[in-house]
Amino acid sequence: MARGDEFLVDQLRFWNAEIYPVMVDGVLEEWVDYSLPRMVREFGSDEPFSVISNFSQATFSVLETPGGFTDPSRFYAGFFTKSSREDVEFFGEMLEAFLGMDEEEVMALLAADAIRALRQISGGVPSSGKERRAEDEVLIAAVRGLGLGVDVMAGEKRVYVLLRGEGGSGREDDRDWSAYVLCGWTFSWNGTLVERKVYRKEEKRFVRARGERGEREQVDVHLSGEEAWEKAVGLGLNAVTLGVVRRVLDSGLFRLDTISLSRERGTALYFD
């Protein structure tokens, strides 16, 4: 097993048994197996790690909605890649089974949205001379990360693609935040598109996401033990949510990685 695999297995075993069963989809299990050995910083620098720091890993999250409902059934796994046709093609195969949609249909949807997102950032769409690339070629050329996730209680599946435009200096070790965009899609369990989201980094430890169901502000905290607990208590969460957080932290298997705040969606705590 790759370094860290056994630790994630322990995390999954704990979360499924003590918090909420999240590994309920065989396709997601296959995706985790594929992602695990790729959850590394592949570029020899902080790029793109510094842009979306928690992308290339597995995370478990607890959401408290504005109405006070606690949802501890959220899981995500993803990894960085570098314009890899093999990774993108495998991703397409996974999506067909994961969402129950035709592979060409779902990849066309993702590629079209990716092009729109890339046109909004510095440098725009990666090009080949003056020729306009086909949509799938644009996706392959720009992709820097791939991820899948679930929210079991909400009956939703999540898809994520990290993209790099032609902004900045163009060097692979360039950490120009304006050159990156993270696209996210939420689908219902039966494959119906529920929401599109676009994530942009605005400060070193701050990411803003805008979607059709509201805006999110994500802040990296990277806290463990009592520091993580004190941070969670300070958010004004209800007793049920805090009870889940306490059990997670007491396991000794997790740190509090990121906090997401949204007036429309609520407060989410991401653990890795």
Protein backbone atom coordinates (compact mmCIF):
# COMPACT_ATOMS: atom_id res chain seq x y z
CA MET A 1 0.00 0.00 0.00
CA ALA A 2 1.16 3.55 -0.66
CA ARG A 3 2.31 5.61 2.30
CA GLY A 4 -0.69 6.85 4.25
CA ASP A 5 -3.10 4.25 2.89
CA GLU A 6 -3.38 2.35 6.16
CA PHE A 7 -4.13 5.57 8.04
CA LEU A 8 -6.96 6.43 5.65
CA VAL A 9 -8.32 2.92 6.01
CA ASP A 10 -8.43 3.50 9.77
CA GLN A 11 -10.19 6.82 9.23
CA LEU A 12 -12.76 5.25 6.92
CA ARG A 13 -13.36 2.36 9.32
CA PHE A 14 -13.89 4.78 12.22
CA TRP A 15 -16.14 7.19 10.32
CA ASN A 16 -18.30 4.42 8.87
CA ALA A 17 -18.71 2.71 12.25
CA GLU A 18 -18.80 5.61 14.71
CA ILE A 19 -20.01 8.68 12.78
CA TYR A 20 -21.98 7.76 9.63
CA PRO A 21 -21.55 5.20 6.81
CA VAL A 22 -20.14 7.15 3.87
CA MET A 23 -18.63 4.38 1.76
CA VAL A 24 -21.98 3.27 0.36
CA ASP A 25 -21.09 3.30 -3.33
CA GLY A 26 -18.88 0.66 -4.95
CA VAL A 27 -17.77 3.15 -7.59
CA LEU A 28 -16.59 5.51 -4.86
CA GLU A 29 -14.58 2.67 -3.34
CA GLU A 30 -12.91 2.06 -6.70
CA TRP A 31 -12.21 5.77 -7.02
CA VAL A 32 -10.58 5.85 -3.57
CA ASP A 33 -8.38 2.90 -4.52
CA TYR A 34 -7.31 4.73 -7.69
CA SER A 35 -6.78 8.05 -5.89
CA LEU A 36 -4.80 6.86 -2.88
CA PRO A 37 -1.40 6.36 -4.54
CA ARG A 38 -1.88 9.64 -6.40
CA MET A 39 -2.59 11.79 -3.33
CA VAL A 40 0.81 13.44 -3.46
CA ARG A 41 2.33 16.78 -4.38
CA GLU A 42 3.42 15.83 -7.86
CA PHE A 43 4.95 19.03 -9.15
CA GLY A 44 8.06 19.40 -6.99
CA SER A 45 6.85 22.73 -5.61
CA ASP A 46 3.85 24.21 -3.88
CA GLU A 47 1.97 24.48 -7.17
CA PRO A 48 -0.92 23.73 -7.21
CA PHE A 49 -0.88 22.68 -3.53
CA SER A 50 -0.82 26.31 -2.45
CA VAL A 51 -3.90 27.06 -4.52
CA ILE A 52 -6.31 24.40 -3.24
CA SER A 53 -4.46 22.93 -0.28
CA ASN A 54 -6.96 20.21 0.65
CA PHE A 55 -7.71 18.97 -2.87
CA SER A 56 -5.23 16.09 -3.11
CA GLN A 57 -6.45 14.03 -0.18
CA ALA A 58 -9.49 12.43 1.41
CA THR A 59 -11.71 14.53 3.65
CA PHE A 60 -14.68 13.85 5.89
CA SER A 61 -17.01 16.71 6.76
CA VAL A 62 -19.81 17.65 9.10
CA LEU A 63 -22.37 20.23 7.96
CA GLU A 64 -24.73 22.18 10.20
CA THR A 65 -27.45 23.76 8.07
CA PRO A 66 -28.95 27.19 8.83
CA GLY A 67 -31.95 25.33 10.25
CA GLY A 68 -29.77 23.48 12.75
CA PHE A 69 -29.72 20.06 11.05
CA THR A 70 -26.48 18.10 11.48
CA ASP A 71 -25.18 16.16 8.47
CA PRO A 72 -22.04 14.06 9.17
CA SER A 73 -22.35 11.94 6.00
CA ARG A 74 -20.02 13.81 3.64
CA PHE A 75 -16.85 12.32 2.12
CA TYR A 76 -14.48 13.35 -0.65
CA ALA A 77 -11.37 11.92 -2.35
CA GLY A 78 -9.25 13.55 -5.05
CA PHE A 79 -5.73 14.03 -6.37
CA PHE A 80 -3.56 16.36 -8.44
CA THR A 81 -2.77 15.40 -12.01
CA LYS A 82 -0.98 17.06 -14.89
CA SER A 83 -2.90 17.01 -18.17
CA SER A 84 -3.06 13.22 -17.96
CA ARG A 85 -5.28 11.67 -20.61
CA GLU A 86 -5.19 8.39 -18.68
CA ASP A 87 -6.51 10.03 -15.51
CA VAL A 88 -9.19 12.01 -17.34
CA GLU A 89 -10.38 8.96 -19.27
CA PHE A 90 -10.57 6.88 -16.09
CA PHE A 91 -12.43 9.77 -14.46
CA GLY A 92 -14.97 9.67 -17.30
CA GLU A 93 -15.47 5.93 -16.83
CA MET A 94 -16.01 6.47 -13.11
CA LEU A 95 -18.52 9.26 -13.73
CA GLU A 96 -20.62 7.08 -16.02
CA ALA A 97 -21.00 4.48 -13.27
CA PHE A 98 -21.05 6.97 -10.38
CA LEU A 99 -23.82 9.15 -11.82
CA GLY A 100 -25.61 6.62 -14.02
CA MET A 101 -25.12 8.91 -17.02
CA ASP A 102 -23.66 8.36 -20.45
CA GLU A 103 -19.92 9.06 -20.30
CA GLU A 104 -19.89 11.29 -23.39
CA GLU A 105 -22.85 13.28 -22.08
CA VAL A 106 -21.39 13.97 -18.66
CA MET A 107 -17.89 14.73 -19.97
CA ALA A 108 -19.35 17.16 -22.50
CA LEU A 109 -21.19 18.90 -19.66
CA LEU A 110 -18.01 19.16 -17.58
CA ALA A 111 -15.90 20.32 -20.51
CA ALA A 112 -18.39 23.02 -21.53
CA ASP A 113 -18.54 24.37 -17.98
CA ALA A 114 -14.74 24.17 -17.71
CA ILE A 115 -14.33 26.31 -20.82
CA ARG A 116 -16.71 28.93 -19.43
CA ALA A 117 -14.79 28.99 -16.13
CA LEU A 118 -11.40 29.24 -17.84
CA ARG A 119 -12.56 32.18 -19.92
CA GLN A 120 -13.24 34.09 -16.71
CA ILE A 121 -9.73 33.78 -15.30
CA SER A 122 -6.38 35.27 -16.22
CA GLY A 123 -5.09 34.05 -19.57
CA GLY A 124 -8.27 32.20 -20.50
CA VAL A 125 -8.40 28.83 -22.21
CA PRO A 126 -5.20 26.87 -22.97
CA SER A 127 -4.79 26.84 -26.75
CA SER A 128 -2.83 25.04 -29.43
CA GLY A 129 -1.55 27.68 -31.80
CA LYS A 130 -4.54 29.50 -33.22
CA GLU A 131 -6.64 26.40 -33.58
CA ARG A 132 -9.63 26.03 -31.32
CA ARG A 133 -9.44 22.79 -29.40
CA ALA A 134 -12.31 20.37 -29.06
CA GLU A 135 -13.97 20.58 -25.66
CA ASP A 136 -12.48 17.33 -24.36
CA GLU A 137 -8.98 18.44 -25.43
CA VAL A 138 -9.42 21.69 -23.53
CA LEU A 139 -10.38 19.75 -20.42
CA ILE A 140 -7.37 17.44 -20.70
CA ALA A 141 -4.95 20.31 -21.34
CA ALA A 142 -6.19 22.39 -18.41
CA VAL A 143 -6.92 19.76 -15.75
CA ARG A 144 -4.74 19.77 -12.64
CA GLY A 145 -6.92 17.77 -10.29
CA LEU A 146 -9.89 15.38 -10.17
CA GLY A 147 -12.19 14.48 -7.29
CA LEU A 148 -15.44 12.73 -6.33
CA GLY A 149 -17.53 12.94 -3.18
CA VAL A 150 -20.86 12.11 -1.57
CA ASP A 151 -23.34 13.57 0.87
CA VAL A 152 -25.26 10.45 1.82
CA MET A 153 -27.97 12.06 3.95
CA ALA A 154 -28.69 14.66 1.27
CA GLY A 155 -28.73 11.99 -1.43
CA GLU A 156 -26.11 13.89 -3.45
CA LYS A 157 -22.92 13.10 -5.34
CA ARG A 158 -20.17 15.64 -5.97
CA VAL A 159 -17.74 16.02 -8.88
CA TYR A 160 -14.69 18.32 -8.87
CA VAL A 161 -12.16 19.36 -11.51
CA LEU A 162 -9.22 21.69 -10.75
CA LEU A 163 -8.19 23.68 -13.84
CA ARG A 164 -5.27 25.87 -14.80
CA GLY A 165 -5.54 28.56 -17.45
CA GLU A 166 -2.70 30.36 -19.17
CA GLY A 167 -2.32 33.12 -16.60
CA GLY A 168 0.83 33.96 -14.68
CA SER A 169 4.26 33.26 -16.05
CA GLY A 170 3.20 29.94 -17.58
CA ARG A 171 5.78 28.00 -15.55
CA GLU A 172 4.52 24.92 -13.73
CA ASP A 173 5.99 26.20 -10.46
CA ASP A 174 4.14 29.49 -10.84
CA ARG A 175 1.77 29.91 -7.90
CA ASP A 176 -0.35 32.66 -9.43
CA TRP A 177 -3.77 32.14 -7.85
CA SER A 178 -5.48 33.89 -10.76
CA ALA A 179 -4.45 31.06 -13.11
CA TYR A 180 -6.57 28.46 -11.30
CA VAL A 181 -10.23 27.67 -10.92
CA LEU A 182 -11.95 24.74 -9.22
CA CYS A 183 -15.23 23.66 -10.80
CA GLY A 184 -17.70 21.65 -8.77
CA TRP A 185 -20.95 19.93 -9.70
CA THR A 186 -23.58 18.49 -7.39
CA PHE A 187 -25.85 15.75 -8.71
CA SER A 188 -28.76 13.98 -7.08
CA TRP A 189 -28.39 10.27 -6.42
CA ASN A 190 -30.11 9.52 -9.76
CA GLY A 191 -27.77 11.75 -11.78
CA THR A 192 -29.81 14.95 -12.03
CA LEU A 193 -27.67 18.09 -11.97
CA VAL A 194 -28.49 20.11 -8.84
CA GLU A 195 -25.82 22.82 -8.74
CA ARG A 196 -22.71 24.16 -10.44
CA LYS A 197 -20.04 25.78 -8.26
CA VAL A 198 -16.87 27.71 -9.04
CA TYR A 199 -14.12 28.06 -6.42
CA ARG A 200 -11.49 30.81 -6.60
CA LYS A 201 -8.66 31.53 -4.20
CA GLU A 202 -8.64 35.11 -2.96
CA GLU A 203 -6.06 35.02 -0.19
CA LYS A 204 -3.37 32.61 1.01
CA ARG A 205 -5.72 30.59 3.23
CA PHE A 206 -9.08 31.67 1.85
CA VAL A 207 -11.22 30.27 -0.98
CA ARG A 208 -14.58 31.63 -2.12
CA ALA A 209 -17.09 29.38 -3.85
CA ARG A 210 -20.06 30.70 -5.80
CA GLY A 211 -22.86 28.37 -6.82
CA GLU A 212 -26.49 28.27 -7.77
CA ARG A 213 -27.45 27.44 -4.17
CA GLY A 214 -25.41 30.18 -2.55
CA GLU A 215 -21.92 31.38 -1.73
CA ARG A 216 -19.34 29.70 0.51
CA GLU A 217 -16.21 31.06 2.17
CA GLN A 218 -13.59 28.42 3.00
CA VAL A 219 -10.71 29.08 5.39
CA ASP A 220 -7.80 26.71 6.02
CA VAL A 221 -7.16 26.25 9.75
CA HIS A 222 -5.12 23.02 10.09
CA LEU A 223 -5.80 22.49 13.80
CA SER A 224 -5.65 19.37 15.97
CA GLY A 225 -6.78 18.34 19.45
CA GLU A 226 -7.99 21.03 21.82
CA GLU A 227 -7.13 23.84 19.42
CA ALA A 228 -9.49 22.32 16.87
CA TRP A 229 -12.14 21.81 19.54
CA GLU A 230 -11.93 25.41 20.74
CA LYS A 231 -12.23 26.62 17.17
CA ALA A 232 -15.36 24.51 16.62
CA VAL A 233 -16.95 25.69 19.89
CA GLY A 234 -16.32 29.29 18.85
CA LEU A 235 -18.45 28.83 15.74
CA GLY A 236 -21.66 28.65 17.78
CA LEU A 237 -22.65 25.17 16.58
CA ASN A 238 -25.43 23.21 18.23
CA ALA A 239 -24.93 20.41 20.74
CA VAL A 240 -25.50 17.61 18.21
CA THR A 241 -22.89 18.95 15.79
CA LEU A 242 -20.40 19.57 18.58
CA GLY A 243 -20.98 16.04 19.84
CA VAL A 244 -19.96 14.68 16.45
CA VAL A 245 -16.92 16.96 16.35
CA ARG A 246 -15.89 15.81 19.83
CA ARG A 247 -16.05 12.14 18.83
CA VAL A 248 -14.07 12.80 15.67
CA LEU A 249 -11.30 14.66 17.49
CA ASP A 250 -11.20 12.23 20.41
CA SER A 251 -10.44 9.39 17.98
CA GLY A 252 -6.97 10.87 17.41
CA LEU A 253 -7.31 10.11 13.70
CA PHE A 254 -8.29 13.53 12.38
CA ARG A 255 -7.36 17.18 12.34
CA LEU A 256 -9.67 20.06 11.52
CA ASP A 257 -8.45 21.10 8.08
CA THR A 258 -10.93 23.64 6.69
CA ILE A 259 -14.04 25.54 7.75
CA SER A 260 -16.70 26.59 5.24
CA LEU A 261 -19.19 29.34 6.08
CA SER A 262 -22.32 30.06 4.07
CA ARG A 263 -25.46 32.02 4.87
CA GLU A 264 -27.45 29.78 2.52
CA ARG A 265 -25.78 26.40 3.15
CA GLY A 266 -24.58 26.60 6.76
CA THR A 267 -21.28 25.78 8.44
CA ALA A 268 -19.16 22.82 7.36
CA LEU A 269 -16.09 21.44 9.13
CA TYR A 270 -13.68 19.39 7.02
CA PHE A 271 -11.46 16.79 8.68
CA ASP A 272 -8.48 14.96 7.23
